[in-house]
Every structure is written in C-alpha cells, then in structure tokens.
C-alpha cells in the first residue's frame, strides 16, 4: 500500500463541524486488463474505508469495482472533544493501511 493524505483543521472550538478529507494512493486494477503475457491482471482495489474517533466508527464505506484510483473521501465531523482519529483502508488482497491523527478541541 502507498501513502495517505489526511487534512482537517486543528485546533477547533468545541461543537464545531469540521470537514475531514482523505486521499489514499492505490493503483486500482480492475481485473479486466491483460498483461504482456496475455494473462488477466488480477483485480486489486480498495474495498473498505473506515474512520474511527477514539475507537468509535464515525464514517465507513464499502467500495466496488467502479471506484477510481486514489480514492478521495470527505465527510463532516462534529468536534465535541479532543481525541485520536484512525483511518483504515483495506484492499482486495487483504492488505490494510492505517494512519492516525490527533484532533485537538478547545473551549
């Protein structure tokens, strides 16, 4: 798996609704292309994305073959307290990539 870009404001005032934005580099392979040897290249896509805040799921998505390479997700989150955000991407081969980031809430 490759790198992930995560963007959100921090610190933020308590109760503010913020936008969480993520971009994950992953070369998506549809399974419909053929290599130089004439054999089909196996499908390899990101199949699942989950965001947890202090261990609680706040956003999740199940992806299907029509998803583009380097999937981008944006979703709102109400910031009530400081804590850790964990972002996890899982592909069709079972590889899992996890990134964490700290959200700081003031006031």
PDB file of N, CA and C in Angstrom:
ATOM      1  N   UNK A   1       0.847  -1.173   0.000  1.00  0.00           N
ATOM      2  CA  UNK A   1       0.000   0.000   0.000  1.00  0.00           C
ATOM      3  C   UNK A   1       0.896   1.240   0.000  1.00  0.00           C
ATOM      4  N   UNK A   2       0.331   2.325  -0.431  1.00  0.00           N
ATOM      5  CA  UNK A   2       1.086   3.563  -0.569  1.00  0.00           C
ATOM      6  C   UNK A   2       0.728   4.552   0.536  1.00  0.00           C
ATOM      7  N   UNK A   3       0.919   5.807   0.269  1.00  0.00           N
ATOM      8  CA  UNK A   3       0.718   6.822   1.308  1.00  0.00           C
ATOM      9  C   UNK A   3      -0.702   7.371   1.332  1.00  0.00           C
ATOM     10  N   UNK A   4      -1.038   7.956   2.466  1.00  0.00           N
ATOM     11  CA  UNK A   4      -2.351   8.575   2.655  1.00  0.00           C
ATOM     12  C   UNK A   4      -2.152  10.039   3.008  1.00  0.00           C
ATOM     13  N   UNK A   5      -3.018  10.883   2.483  1.00  0.00           N
ATOM     14  CA  UNK A   5      -3.038  12.299   2.846  1.00  0.00           C
ATOM     15  C   UNK A   5      -4.316  12.546   3.637  1.00  0.00           C
ATOM     16  N   UNK A   6      -4.170  13.168   4.790  1.00  0.00           N
ATOM     17  CA  UNK A   6      -5.302  13.444   5.674  1.00  0.00           C
ATOM     18  C   UNK A   6      -5.281  14.928   6.003  1.00  0.00           C
ATOM     19  N   UNK A   7      -6.442  15.579   5.897  1.00  0.00           N
ATOM     20  CA  UNK A   7      -6.492  17.011   6.129  1.00  0.00           C
ATOM     21  C   UNK A   7      -7.745  17.364   6.930  1.00  0.00           C
ATOM     22  N   UNK A   8      -7.541  18.089   8.034  1.00  0.00           N
ATOM     23  CA  UNK A   8      -8.640  18.658   8.815  1.00  0.00           C
ATOM     24  C   UNK A   8      -8.056  19.766   9.683  1.00  0.00           C
ATOM     25  N   UNK A   9      -8.884  20.737  10.080  1.00  0.00           N
ATOM     26  CA  UNK A   9      -8.372  21.818  10.925  1.00  0.00           C
ATOM     27  C   UNK A   9      -8.162  21.311  12.347  1.00  0.00           C
ATOM     28  N   UNK A  10      -7.170  21.869  13.015  1.00  0.00           N
ATOM     29  CA  UNK A  10      -6.915  21.539  14.415  1.00  0.00           C
ATOM     30  C   UNK A  10      -5.948  22.590  14.933  1.00  0.00           C
ATOM     31  N   UNK A  11      -6.206  23.218  16.041  1.00  0.00           N
ATOM     32  CA  UNK A  11      -7.338  23.008  16.949  1.00  0.00           C
ATOM     33  C   UNK A  11      -8.621  23.642  16.410  1.00  0.00           C
ATOM     34  N   UNK A  12      -9.744  23.175  16.969  1.00  0.00           N
ATOM     35  CA  UNK A  12     -11.057  23.694  16.593  1.00  0.00           C
ATOM     36  C   UNK A  12     -11.867  23.937  17.862  1.00  0.00           C
ATOM     37  N   UNK A  13     -12.815  24.868  17.832  1.00  0.00           N
ATOM     38  CA  UNK A  13     -13.650  25.104  19.009  1.00  0.00           C
ATOM     39  C   UNK A  13     -14.642  23.954  19.233  1.00  0.00           C
ATOM     40  N   UNK A  14     -14.939  23.678  20.485  1.00  0.00           N
ATOM     41  CA  UNK A  14     -15.893  22.625  20.842  1.00  0.00           C
ATOM     42  C   UNK A  14     -17.232  22.859  20.142  1.00  0.00           C
ATOM     43  N   UNK A  15     -17.787  21.802  19.555  1.00  0.00           N
ATOM     44  CA  UNK A  15     -19.071  21.873  18.870  1.00  0.00           C
ATOM     45  C   UNK A  15     -18.998  22.240  17.400  1.00  0.00           C
ATOM     46  N   UNK A  16     -17.810  22.608  16.927  1.00  0.00           N
ATOM     47  CA  UNK A  16     -17.664  22.985  15.516  1.00  0.00           C
ATOM     48  C   UNK A  16     -17.805  21.752  14.626  1.00  0.00           C
ATOM     49  N   UNK A  17     -18.419  21.949  13.469  1.00  0.00           N
ATOM     50  CA  UNK A  17     -18.485  20.882  12.470  1.00  0.00           C
ATOM     51  C   UNK A  17     -17.331  21.118  11.503  1.00  0.00           C
ATOM     52  N   UNK A  18     -16.452  20.122  11.402  1.00  0.00           N
ATOM     53  CA  UNK A  18     -15.272  20.248  10.544  1.00  0.00           C
ATOM     54  C   UNK A  18     -15.369  19.248   9.396  1.00  0.00           C
ATOM     55  N   UNK A  19     -14.647  19.535   8.336  1.00  0.00           N
ATOM     56  CA  UNK A  19     -14.561  18.616   7.204  1.00  0.00           C
ATOM     57  C   UNK A  19     -13.277  17.810   7.322  1.00  0.00           C
ATOM     58  N   UNK A  20     -13.417  16.499   7.277  1.00  0.00           N
ATOM     59  CA  UNK A  20     -12.280  15.590   7.240  1.00  0.00           C
ATOM     60  C   UNK A  20     -12.105  15.197   5.780  1.00  0.00           C
ATOM     61  N   UNK A  21     -10.878  15.323   5.257  1.00  0.00           N
ATOM     62  CA  UNK A  21     -10.610  14.960   3.867  1.00  0.00           C
ATOM     63  C   UNK A  21      -9.438  13.984   3.826  1.00  0.00           C
ATOM     64  N   UNK A  22      -9.615  12.906   3.057  1.00  0.00           N
ATOM     65  CA  UNK A  22      -8.549  11.911   2.919  1.00  0.00           C
ATOM     66  C   UNK A  22      -8.362  11.552   1.445  1.00  0.00           C
ATOM     67  N   UNK A  23      -7.137  11.288   1.098  1.00  0.00           N
ATOM     68  CA  UNK A  23      -6.791  10.814  -0.234  1.00  0.00           C
ATOM     69  C   UNK A  23      -5.804   9.676  -0.040  1.00  0.00           C
ATOM     70  N   UNK A  24      -6.081   8.544  -0.671  1.00  0.00           N
ATOM     71  CA  UNK A  24      -5.229   7.385  -0.488  1.00  0.00           C
ATOM     72  C   UNK A  24      -4.679   6.938  -1.828  1.00  0.00           C
ATOM     73  N   UNK A  25      -3.359   6.850  -1.924  1.00  0.00           N
ATOM     74  CA  UNK A  25      -2.723   6.398  -3.160  1.00  0.00           C
ATOM     75  C   UNK A  25      -2.815   4.884  -3.247  1.00  0.00           C
ATOM     76  N   UNK A  26      -3.477   4.407  -4.277  1.00  0.00           N
ATOM     77  CA  UNK A  26      -3.568   2.970  -4.503  1.00  0.00           C
ATOM     78  C   UNK A  26      -3.794   2.755  -5.991  1.00  0.00           C
ATOM     79  N   UNK A  27      -2.943   1.964  -6.607  1.00  0.00           N
ATOM     80  CA  UNK A  27      -3.111   1.670  -8.024  1.00  0.00           C
ATOM     81  C   UNK A  27      -4.233   0.646  -8.138  1.00  0.00           C
ATOM     82  N   UNK A  28      -5.371   1.092  -8.620  1.00  0.00           N
ATOM     83  CA  UNK A  28      -6.519   0.207  -8.740  1.00  0.00           C
ATOM     84  C   UNK A  28      -6.377  -0.626 -10.013  1.00  0.00           C
ATOM     85  N   UNK A  29      -6.615  -1.899  -9.875  1.00  0.00           N
ATOM     86  CA  UNK A  29      -6.588  -2.795 -11.021  1.00  0.00           C
ATOM     87  C   UNK A  29      -7.956  -3.439 -11.132  1.00  0.00           C
ATOM     88  N   UNK A  30      -8.612  -3.261 -12.267  1.00  0.00           N
ATOM     89  CA  UNK A  30      -9.999  -3.699 -12.447  1.00  0.00           C
ATOM     90  C   UNK A  30     -10.151  -5.206 -12.600  1.00  0.00           C
ATOM     91  N   UNK A  31      -9.106  -5.882 -13.063  1.00  0.00           N
ATOM     92  CA  UNK A  31      -9.207  -7.303 -13.348  1.00  0.00           C
ATOM     93  C   UNK A  31      -9.597  -7.568 -14.791  1.00  0.00           C
ATOM     94  N   UNK A  32      -9.832  -6.506 -15.554  1.00  0.00           N
ATOM     95  CA  UNK A  32     -10.231  -6.644 -16.953  1.00  0.00           C
ATOM     96  C   UNK A  32      -9.079  -6.413 -17.932  1.00  0.00           C
ATOM     97  N   UNK A  33      -7.941  -5.961 -17.429  1.00  0.00           N
ATOM     98  CA  UNK A  33      -6.796  -5.714 -18.315  1.00  0.00           C
ATOM     99  C   UNK A  33      -5.931  -6.969 -18.414  1.00  0.00           C
ATOM    100  N   UNK A  34      -5.139  -7.027 -19.480  1.00  0.00           N
ATOM    101  CA  UNK A  34      -4.249  -8.160 -19.697  1.00  0.00           C
ATOM    102  C   UNK A  34      -2.810  -7.681 -19.714  1.00  0.00           C
ATOM    103  N   UNK A  35      -1.922  -8.485 -19.172  1.00  0.00           N
ATOM    104  CA  UNK A  35      -0.508  -8.175 -19.175  1.00  0.00           C
ATOM    105  C   UNK A  35       0.124  -8.522 -20.503  1.00  0.00           C
ATOM    106  N   UNK A  36       1.430  -8.274 -20.630  1.00  0.00           N
ATOM    107  CA  UNK A  36       2.138  -8.562 -21.881  1.00  0.00           C
ATOM    108  C   UNK A  36       2.164 -10.059 -22.183  1.00  0.00           C
ATOM    109  N   UNK A  37       1.972 -10.865 -21.149  1.00  0.00           N
ATOM    110  CA  UNK A  37       1.947 -12.321 -21.341  1.00  0.00           C
ATOM    111  C   UNK A  37       0.575 -12.834 -21.785  1.00  0.00           C
ATOM    112  N   UNK A  38      -0.408 -11.935 -21.920  1.00  0.00           N
ATOM    113  CA  UNK A  38      -1.740 -12.310 -22.358  1.00  0.00           C
ATOM    114  C   UNK A  38      -2.661 -12.774 -21.239  1.00  0.00           C
ATOM    115  N   UNK A  39      -2.150 -12.825 -20.012  1.00  0.00           N
ATOM    116  CA  UNK A  39      -2.970 -13.255 -18.872  1.00  0.00           C
ATOM    117  C   UNK A  39      -3.633 -12.046 -18.208  1.00  0.00           C
ATOM    118  N   UNK A  40      -4.836 -12.291 -17.680  1.00  0.00           N
ATOM    119  CA  UNK A  40      -5.555 -11.214 -16.995  1.00  0.00           C
ATOM    120  C   UNK A  40      -4.791 -10.795 -15.746  1.00  0.00           C
ATOM    121  N   UNK A  41      -4.702  -9.474 -15.540  1.00  0.00           N
ATOM    122  CA  UNK A  41      -4.085  -8.944 -14.319  1.00  0.00           C
ATOM    123  C   UNK A  41      -5.146  -9.021 -13.228  1.00  0.00           C
ATOM    124  N   UNK A  42      -4.845  -9.676 -12.101  1.00  0.00           N
ATOM    125  CA  UNK A  42      -5.856  -9.847 -11.043  1.00  0.00           C
ATOM    126  C   UNK A  42      -6.393  -8.521 -10.516  1.00  0.00           C
ATOM    127  N   UNK A  43      -7.678  -8.514 -10.182  1.00  0.00           N
ATOM    128  CA  UNK A  43      -8.304  -7.317  -9.622  1.00  0.00           C
ATOM    129  C   UNK A  43      -7.674  -6.976  -8.274  1.00  0.00           C
ATOM    130  N   UNK A  44      -7.432  -5.692  -8.051  1.00  0.00           N
ATOM    131  CA  UNK A  44      -6.879  -5.211  -6.782  1.00  0.00           C
ATOM    132  C   UNK A  44      -7.383  -3.793  -6.565  1.00  0.00           C
ATOM    133  N   UNK A  45      -8.427  -3.663  -5.765  1.00  0.00           N
ATOM    134  CA  UNK A  45      -8.995  -2.354  -5.470  1.00  0.00           C
ATOM    135  C   UNK A  45      -9.100  -2.179  -3.959  1.00  0.00           C
ATOM    136  N   UNK A  46      -9.186  -0.940  -3.519  1.00  0.00           N
ATOM    137  CA  UNK A  46      -9.509  -0.681  -2.119  1.00  0.00           C
ATOM    138  C   UNK A  46     -10.978  -1.041  -1.959  1.00  0.00           C
ATOM    139  N   UNK A  47     -11.257  -1.935  -1.028  1.00  0.00           N
ATOM    140  CA  UNK A  47     -12.629  -2.411  -0.856  1.00  0.00           C
ATOM    141  C   UNK A  47     -13.341  -1.802   0.338  1.00  0.00           C
ATOM    142  N   UNK A  48     -12.574  -1.274   1.289  1.00  0.00           N
ATOM    143  CA  UNK A  48     -13.214  -0.757   2.502  1.00  0.00           C
ATOM    144  C   UNK A  48     -12.393   0.389   3.087  1.00  0.00           C
ATOM    145  N   UNK A  49     -13.115   1.403   3.542  1.00  0.00           N
ATOM    146  CA  UNK A  49     -12.501   2.528   4.256  1.00  0.00           C
ATOM    147  C   UNK A  49     -13.286   2.751   5.536  1.00  0.00           C
ATOM    148  N   UNK A  50     -12.579   2.926   6.645  1.00  0.00           N
ATOM    149  CA  UNK A  50     -13.218   3.172   7.938  1.00  0.00           C
ATOM    150  C   UNK A  50     -12.454   4.276   8.655  1.00  0.00           C
ATOM    151  N   UNK A  51     -13.198   5.202   9.279  1.00  0.00           N
ATOM    152  CA  UNK A  51     -12.606   6.220  10.142  1.00  0.00           C
ATOM    153  C   UNK A  51     -13.192   6.041  11.536  1.00  0.00           C
ATOM    154  N   UNK A  52     -12.306   5.948  12.527  1.00  0.00           N
ATOM    155  CA  UNK A  52     -12.725   5.810  13.916  1.00  0.00           C
ATOM    156  C   UNK A  52     -12.247   7.015  14.716  1.00  0.00           C
ATOM    157  N   UNK A  53     -13.057   7.444  15.658  1.00  0.00           N
ATOM    158  CA  UNK A  53     -12.674   8.501  16.586  1.00  0.00           C
ATOM    159  C   UNK A  53     -12.688   7.891  17.978  1.00  0.00           C
ATOM    160  N   UNK A  54     -11.525   7.804  18.604  1.00  0.00           N
ATOM    161  CA  UNK A  54     -11.366   7.143  19.903  1.00  0.00           C
ATOM    162  C   UNK A  54     -12.024   5.761  19.915  1.00  0.00           C
ATOM    163  N   UNK A  55     -11.823   5.000  18.826  1.00  0.00           N
ATOM    164  CA  UNK A  55     -12.313   3.634  18.736  1.00  0.00           C
ATOM    165  C   UNK A  55     -13.744   3.470  18.255  1.00  0.00           C
ATOM    166  N   UNK A  56     -14.467   4.567  18.046  1.00  0.00           N
ATOM    167  CA  UNK A  56     -15.854   4.501  17.586  1.00  0.00           C
ATOM    168  C   UNK A  56     -15.925   4.880  16.107  1.00  0.00           C
ATOM    169  N   UNK A  57     -16.623   4.073  15.322  1.00  0.00           N
ATOM    170  CA  UNK A  57     -16.754   4.334  13.883  1.00  0.00           C
ATOM    171  C   UNK A  57     -17.553   5.619  13.675  1.00  0.00           C
ATOM    172  N   UNK A  58     -16.963   6.559  12.913  1.00  0.00           N
ATOM    173  CA  UNK A  58     -17.658   7.808  12.589  1.00  0.00           C
ATOM    174  C   UNK A  58     -17.959   7.905  11.091  1.00  0.00           C
ATOM    175  N   UNK A  59     -17.272   7.091  10.296  1.00  0.00           N
ATOM    176  CA  UNK A  59     -17.525   7.046   8.853  1.00  0.00           C
ATOM    177  C   UNK A  59     -16.989   5.730   8.327  1.00  0.00           C
ATOM    178  N   UNK A  60     -17.752   5.107   7.422  1.00  0.00           N
ATOM    179  CA  UNK A  60     -17.250   3.903   6.763  1.00  0.00           C
ATOM    180  C   UNK A  60     -17.851   3.805   5.365  1.00  0.00           C
ATOM    181  N   UNK A  61     -17.103   3.156   4.478  1.00  0.00           N
ATOM    182  CA  UNK A  61     -17.554   2.991   3.103  1.00  0.00           C
ATOM    183  C   UNK A  61     -17.075   1.653   2.575  1.00  0.00           C
ATOM    184  N   UNK A  62     -17.961   0.974   1.853  1.00  0.00           N
ATOM    185  CA  UNK A  62     -17.609  -0.234   1.128  1.00  0.00           C
ATOM    186  C   UNK A  62     -17.528   0.155  -0.337  1.00  0.00           C
ATOM    187  N   UNK A  63     -16.403  -0.162  -0.963  1.00  0.00           N
ATOM    188  CA  UNK A  63     -16.158   0.271  -2.334  1.00  0.00           C
ATOM    189  C   UNK A  63     -16.367  -0.876  -3.307  1.00  0.00           C
ATOM    190  N   UNK A  64     -16.650  -0.545  -4.547  1.00  0.00           N
ATOM    191  CA  UNK A  64     -16.934  -1.522  -5.593  1.00  0.00           C
ATOM    192  C   UNK A  64     -16.022  -1.274  -6.786  1.00  0.00           C
ATOM    193  N   UNK A  65     -15.987  -2.186  -7.759  1.00  0.00           N
ATOM    194  CA  UNK A  65     -15.035  -2.070  -8.872  1.00  0.00           C
ATOM    195  C   UNK A  65     -15.042  -0.750  -9.639  1.00  0.00           C
ATOM    196  N   UNK A  66     -16.090   0.022  -9.610  1.00  0.00           N
ATOM    197  CA  UNK A  66     -16.125   1.274 -10.377  1.00  0.00           C
ATOM    198  C   UNK A  66     -15.385   2.423  -9.684  1.00  0.00           C
ATOM    199  N   UNK A  67     -14.839   2.209  -8.496  1.00  0.00           N
ATOM    200  CA  UNK A  67     -14.125   3.271  -7.782  1.00  0.00           C
ATOM    201  C   UNK A  67     -12.851   3.665  -8.545  1.00  0.00           C
ATOM    202  N   UNK A  68     -12.518   4.927  -8.527  1.00  0.00           N
ATOM    203  CA  UNK A  68     -11.331   5.427  -9.225  1.00  0.00           C
ATOM    204  C   UNK A  68     -10.060   5.105  -8.436  1.00  0.00           C
ATOM    205  N   UNK A  69      -8.935   5.178  -9.115  1.00  0.00           N
ATOM    206  CA  UNK A  69      -7.648   5.049  -8.438  1.00  0.00           C
ATOM    207  C   UNK A  69      -7.511   6.208  -7.459  1.00  0.00           C
ATOM    208  N   UNK A  70      -6.763   6.000  -6.400  1.00  0.00           N
ATOM    209  CA  UNK A  70      -6.507   7.023  -5.394  1.00  0.00           C
ATOM    210  C   UNK A  70      -7.810   7.583  -4.815  1.00  0.00           C
ATOM    211  N   UNK A  71      -8.583   6.750  -4.125  1.00  0.00           N
ATOM    212  CA  UNK A  71      -9.894   7.197  -3.631  1.00  0.00           C
ATOM    213  C   UNK A  71      -9.792   8.376  -2.662  1.00  0.00           C
ATOM    214  N   UNK A  72     -10.723   9.306  -2.839  1.00  0.00           N
ATOM    215  CA  UNK A  72     -10.819  10.525  -2.032  1.00  0.00           C
ATOM    216  C   UNK A  72     -12.137  10.485  -1.270  1.00  0.00           C
ATOM    217  N   UNK A  73     -12.068  10.757   0.023  1.00  0.00           N
ATOM    218  CA  UNK A  73     -13.270  10.831   0.850  1.00  0.00           C
ATOM    219  C   UNK A  73     -13.268  12.147   1.604  1.00  0.00           C
ATOM    220  N   UNK A  74     -14.449  12.754   1.723  1.00  0.00           N
ATOM    221  CA  UNK A  74     -14.640  13.950   2.534  1.00  0.00           C
ATOM    222  C   UNK A  74     -15.937  13.759   3.303  1.00  0.00           C
ATOM    223  N   UNK A  75     -15.906  14.055   4.593  1.00  0.00           N
ATOM    224  CA  UNK A  75     -17.101  13.882   5.416  1.00  0.00           C
ATOM    225  C   UNK A  75     -17.024  14.836   6.604  1.00  0.00           C
ATOM    226  N   UNK A  76     -18.186  15.252   7.127  1.00  0.00           N
ATOM    227  CA  UNK A  76     -18.205  16.168   8.273  1.00  0.00           C
ATOM    228  C   UNK A  76     -18.085  15.401   9.588  1.00  0.00           C
ATOM    229  N   UNK A  77     -17.583  16.098  10.599  1.00  0.00           N
ATOM    230  CA  UNK A  77     -17.481  15.541  11.946  1.00  0.00           C
ATOM    231  C   UNK A  77     -17.694  16.680  12.942  1.00  0.00           C
ATOM    232  N   UNK A  78     -18.566  16.465  13.913  1.00  0.00           N
ATOM    233  CA  UNK A  78     -18.765  17.457  14.975  1.00  0.00           C
ATOM    234  C   UNK A  78     -17.690  17.221  16.030  1.00  0.00           C
ATOM    235  N   UNK A  79     -16.922  18.235  16.323  1.00  0.00           N
ATOM    236  CA  UNK A  79     -15.806  18.139  17.268  1.00  0.00           C
ATOM    237  C   UNK A  79     -16.284  18.479  18.678  1.00  0.00           C
ATOM    238  N   UNK A  80     -16.541  17.466  19.476  1.00  0.00           N
ATOM    239  CA  UNK A  80     -17.009  17.668  20.849  1.00  0.00           C
ATOM    240  C   UNK A  80     -15.888  17.538  21.871  1.00  0.00           C
ATOM    241  N   UNK A  81     -14.826  16.779  21.530  1.00  0.00           N
ATOM    242  CA  UNK A  81     -13.707  16.575  22.454  1.00  0.00           C
ATOM    243  C   UNK A  81     -12.457  16.237  21.659  1.00  0.00           C
ATOM    244  N   UNK A  82     -11.313  16.387  22.290  1.00  0.00           N
ATOM    245  CA  UNK A  82     -10.052  16.013  21.671  1.00  0.00           C
ATOM    246  C   UNK A  82      -9.944  14.492  21.648  1.00  0.00           C
ATOM    247  N   UNK A  83      -9.246  13.972  20.672  1.00  0.00           N
ATOM    248  CA  UNK A  83      -9.067  12.527  20.595  1.00  0.00           C
ATOM    249  C   UNK A  83      -8.318  12.118  19.349  1.00  0.00           C
ATOM    250  N   UNK A  84      -8.185  10.804  19.178  1.00  0.00           N
ATOM    251  CA  UNK A  84      -7.436  10.263  18.063  1.00  0.00           C
ATOM    252  C   UNK A  84      -8.369   9.767  16.958  1.00  0.00           C
ATOM    253  N   UNK A  85      -8.066  10.203  15.758  1.00  0.00           N
ATOM    254  CA  UNK A  85      -8.754   9.710  14.567  1.00  0.00           C
ATOM    255  C   UNK A  85      -7.890   8.621  13.942  1.00  0.00           C
ATOM    256  N   UNK A  86      -8.484   7.489  13.614  1.00  0.00           N
ATOM    257  CA  UNK A  86      -7.777   6.401  12.935  1.00  0.00           C
ATOM    258  C   UNK A  86      -8.467   6.167  11.598  1.00  0.00           C
ATOM    259  N   UNK A  87      -7.681   6.096  10.548  1.00  0.00           N
ATOM    260  CA  UNK A  87      -8.171   5.911   9.191  1.00  0.00           C
ATOM    261  C   UNK A  87      -7.613   4.591   8.675  1.00  0.00           C
ATOM    262  N   UNK A  88      -8.474   3.697   8.197  1.00  0.00           N
ATOM    263  CA  UNK A  88      -8.024   2.380   7.731  1.00  0.00           C
ATOM    264  C   UNK A  88      -8.588   2.075   6.343  1.00  0.00           C
ATOM    265  N   UNK A  89      -7.694   1.687   5.447  1.00  0.00           N
ATOM    266  CA  UNK A  89      -8.050   1.272   4.096  1.00  0.00           C
ATOM    267  C   UNK A  89      -7.665  -0.194   3.947  1.00  0.00           C
ATOM    268  N   UNK A  90      -8.550  -1.013   3.379  1.00  0.00           N
ATOM    269  CA  UNK A  90      -8.269  -2.429   3.152  1.00  0.00           C
ATOM    270  C   UNK A  90      -8.510  -2.736   1.683  1.00  0.00           C
ATOM    271  N   UNK A  91      -7.536  -3.423   1.050  1.00  0.00           N
ATOM    272  CA  UNK A  91      -7.722  -3.746  -0.366  1.00  0.00           C
ATOM    273  C   UNK A  91      -8.150  -5.194  -0.550  1.00  0.00           C
ATOM    274  N   UNK A  92      -8.378  -5.582  -1.795  1.00  0.00           N
ATOM    275  CA  UNK A  92      -8.888  -6.899  -2.129  1.00  0.00           C
ATOM    276  C   UNK A  92      -7.940  -8.035  -1.812  1.00  0.00           C
ATOM    277  N   UNK A  93      -6.664  -7.730  -1.635  1.00  0.00           N
ATOM    278  CA  UNK A  93      -5.679  -8.757  -1.287  1.00  0.00           C
ATOM    279  C   UNK A  93      -5.541  -8.907   0.222  1.00  0.00           C
ATOM    280  N   UNK A  94      -6.315  -8.125   0.974  1.00  0.00           N
ATOM    281  CA  UNK A  94      -6.262  -8.204   2.426  1.00  0.00           C
ATOM    282  C   UNK A  94      -5.254  -7.273   3.068  1.00  0.00           C
ATOM    283  N   UNK A  95      -4.505  -6.515   2.253  1.00  0.00           N
ATOM    284  CA  UNK A  95      -3.544  -5.562   2.810  1.00  0.00           C
ATOM    285  C   UNK A  95      -4.308  -4.423   3.467  1.00  0.00           C
ATOM    286  N   UNK A  96      -3.827  -4.006   4.632  1.00  0.00           N
ATOM    287  CA  UNK A  96      -4.501  -2.944   5.387  1.00  0.00           C
ATOM    288  C   UNK A  96      -3.500  -1.845   5.698  1.00  0.00           C
ATOM    289  N   UNK A  97      -3.930  -0.612   5.503  1.00  0.00           N
ATOM    290  CA  UNK A  97      -3.097   0.548   5.805  1.00  0.00           C
ATOM    291  C   UNK A  97      -3.851   1.410   6.812  1.00  0.00           C
ATOM    292  N   UNK A  98      -3.191   1.762   7.906  1.00  0.00           N
ATOM    293  CA  UNK A  98      -3.822   2.575   8.949  1.00  0.00           C
ATOM    294  C   UNK A  98      -2.967   3.804   9.213  1.00  0.00           C
ATOM    295  N   UNK A  99      -3.623   4.946   9.266  1.00  0.00           N
ATOM    296  CA  UNK A  99      -2.982   6.220   9.642  1.00  0.00           C
ATOM    297  C   UNK A  99      -3.753   6.790  10.813  1.00  0.00           C
ATOM    298  N   UNK A 100      -3.068   7.468  11.716  1.00  0.00           N
ATOM    299  CA  UNK A 100      -3.734   8.124  12.832  1.00  0.00           C
ATOM    300  C   UNK A 100      -3.377   9.602  12.848  1.00  0.00           C
ATOM    301  N   UNK A 101      -4.268  10.378  13.428  1.00  0.00           N
ATOM    302  CA  UNK A 101      -4.049  11.820  13.567  1.00  0.00           C
ATOM    303  C   UNK A 101      -4.811  12.293  14.812  1.00  0.00           C
ATOM    304  N   UNK A 102      -4.278  13.288  15.479  1.00  0.00           N
ATOM    305  CA  UNK A 102      -4.874  13.810  16.698  1.00  0.00           C
ATOM    306  C   UNK A 102      -5.733  15.027  16.381  1.00  0.00           C
ATOM    307  N   UNK A 103      -6.966  15.020  16.874  1.00  0.00           N
ATOM    308  CA  UNK A 103      -7.860  16.168  16.772  1.00  0.00           C
ATOM    309  C   UNK A 103      -7.838  16.892  18.113  1.00  0.00           C
ATOM    310  N   UNK A 104      -7.542  18.170  18.085  1.00  0.00           N
ATOM    311  CA  UNK A 104      -7.490  18.976  19.307  1.00  0.00           C
ATOM    312  C   UNK A 104      -8.693  19.928  19.321  1.00  0.00           C
ATOM    313  N   UNK A 105      -9.475  19.842  20.405  1.00  0.00           N
ATOM    314  CA  UNK A 105     -10.659  20.677  20.560  1.00  0.00           C
ATOM    315  C   UNK A 105     -10.405  21.623  21.729  1.00  0.00           C
ATOM    316  N   UNK A 106     -10.737  22.900  21.528  1.00  0.00           N
ATOM    317  CA  UNK A 106     -10.555  23.910  22.583  1.00  0.00           C
ATOM    318  C   UNK A 106     -11.897  24.398  23.088  1.00  0.00           C
ATOM    319  N   UNK A 107     -11.872  24.933  24.307  1.00  0.00           N
ATOM    320  CA  UNK A 107     -13.072  25.566  24.848  1.00  0.00           C
ATOM    321  C   UNK A 107     -13.958  24.696  25.590  1.00  0.00           C
TER     322      UNK A 107
END
